[in-house]
Every structure is written in C-alpha cells, then in structure tokens.
Amino acid sequence: MNIIEAAAQFAKANYPPEGIAHVREMLYYCGLFAAPTGADGEILTVATYLHAVAAHLYRWEEHDVKSAEMASLFLREHK
C-alpha cells in the first residue's frame, strides 16, 4: 500500500462519512494548486487527509498543531 492509500484509509476510518465530500473537494483544490506551482501533489494529498482528520478529532482548537503531530507519527509509521 502506498502512502496516499494509507492516508485515505486513515481518513476513512477517522472522519465521519458525511464529511468525505468536503475532503474530496479539498483534494480537488490541492490538485489545482499543485499543477501550476510545482508543489508535490503526493505531499499535499497526504497533508489534506491528515489535516481533515485532525480538524475533526480536535475541532478547531489547536488542530493545526495536532495535525502536524499526527502527520509526524503517521509518516514515521509509513516510511
């Protein structure tokens, strides 16, 4: 399983099903951003999934910090 598939599964397991449309929308915007800027689409995709989960689990209070902490752990487990 690649890192994007792992992040998608993680999001599916930890994000409410009714919110997945929002995640898909954010993934679409990441794709629009990555192409003209040369940003790494894989990194943006994984970050989008993990950020969405952190926002859900920790609400908006410090979700940015929690998202970074969660991403660090997730990426260590999936290298």
Protein backbone atom coordinates (compact mmCIF):
# COMPACT_ATOMS: atom_id res chain seq x y z
CA MET A 1 0.00 0.00 0.00
CA ASN A 2 1.38 3.41 -0.90
CA ILE A 3 1.33 6.46 1.35
CA ILE A 4 -1.70 8.04 -0.34
CA GLU A 5 -3.74 4.86 0.03
CA ALA A 6 -2.70 4.62 3.68
CA ALA A 7 -3.72 8.24 4.32
CA ALA A 8 -7.06 7.70 2.56
CA GLN A 9 -7.77 4.62 4.68
CA PHE A 10 -6.77 6.52 7.82
CA ALA A 11 -9.16 9.34 6.91
CA LYS A 12 -11.96 6.92 6.09
CA ALA A 13 -11.53 5.25 9.49
CA ASN A 14 -11.30 8.51 11.46
CA TYR A 15 -13.51 11.00 9.63
CA PRO A 16 -17.30 11.00 9.53
CA PRO A 17 -18.70 9.61 6.27
CA GLU A 18 -20.85 12.69 5.75
CA GLY A 19 -17.71 14.83 5.65
CA ILE A 20 -15.85 12.87 2.99
CA ALA A 21 -17.32 15.10 0.26
CA HIS A 22 -15.51 18.03 1.90
CA VAL A 23 -12.23 16.10 1.89
CA ARG A 24 -12.69 15.27 -1.79
CA GLU A 25 -13.29 18.94 -2.52
CA MET A 26 -10.09 19.91 -0.70
CA LEU A 27 -8.18 17.22 -2.64
CA TYR A 28 -9.50 18.75 -5.86
CA TYR A 29 -8.22 22.18 -4.83
CA CYS A 30 -4.85 20.70 -3.90
CA GLY A 31 -4.62 19.30 -7.41
CA LEU A 32 -5.39 22.71 -8.87
CA PHE A 33 -2.73 24.27 -6.67
CA ALA A 34 -0.04 21.66 -7.26
CA ALA A 35 -0.03 21.73 -11.05
CA PRO A 36 0.85 25.39 -11.73
CA THR A 37 3.08 25.84 -8.69
CA GLY A 38 5.11 22.67 -8.99
CA ALA A 39 4.15 21.63 -5.46
CA ASP A 40 4.43 17.94 -4.65
CA GLY A 41 0.94 16.51 -5.17
CA GLU A 42 1.64 13.44 -3.04
CA ILE A 43 2.64 15.57 -0.06
CA LEU A 44 -0.39 17.83 -0.49
CA THR A 45 -2.73 14.86 -0.75
CA VAL A 46 -1.43 13.18 2.40
CA ALA A 47 -1.45 16.51 4.26
CA THR A 48 -5.05 17.14 3.21
CA TYR A 49 -6.23 13.79 4.53
CA LEU A 50 -4.38 14.17 7.82
CA HIS A 51 -5.41 17.78 8.34
CA ALA A 52 -9.07 16.89 7.83
CA VAL A 53 -8.85 14.12 10.42
CA ALA A 54 -7.10 16.40 12.92
CA ALA A 55 -9.73 19.11 12.45
CA HIS A 56 -12.44 16.52 13.12
CA LEU A 57 -10.77 14.86 16.11
CA TYR A 58 -9.52 18.02 17.80
CA ARG A 59 -12.06 20.51 16.47
CA TRP A 60 -10.52 23.83 15.62
CA GLU A 61 -8.67 24.26 18.89
CA GLU A 62 -5.03 23.73 18.02
CA HIS A 63 -5.94 21.42 15.14
CA ASP A 64 -3.04 22.83 13.17
CA VAL A 65 -0.55 21.73 15.83
CA LYS A 66 -2.32 18.38 16.32
CA SER A 67 -2.35 17.88 12.55
CA ALA A 68 1.42 18.33 12.39
CA GLU A 69 1.97 15.96 15.33
CA MET A 70 -0.34 13.37 13.81
CA ALA A 71 1.37 13.70 10.42
CA SER A 72 4.77 13.17 12.00
CA LEU A 73 3.64 9.94 13.65
CA PHE A 74 1.76 8.75 10.58
CA LEU A 75 4.70 9.37 8.26
CA ARG A 76 7.14 7.59 10.59
CA GLU A 77 4.85 4.56 10.58
CA HIS A 78 4.51 4.57 6.78
CA LYS A 79 8.01 5.26 5.51
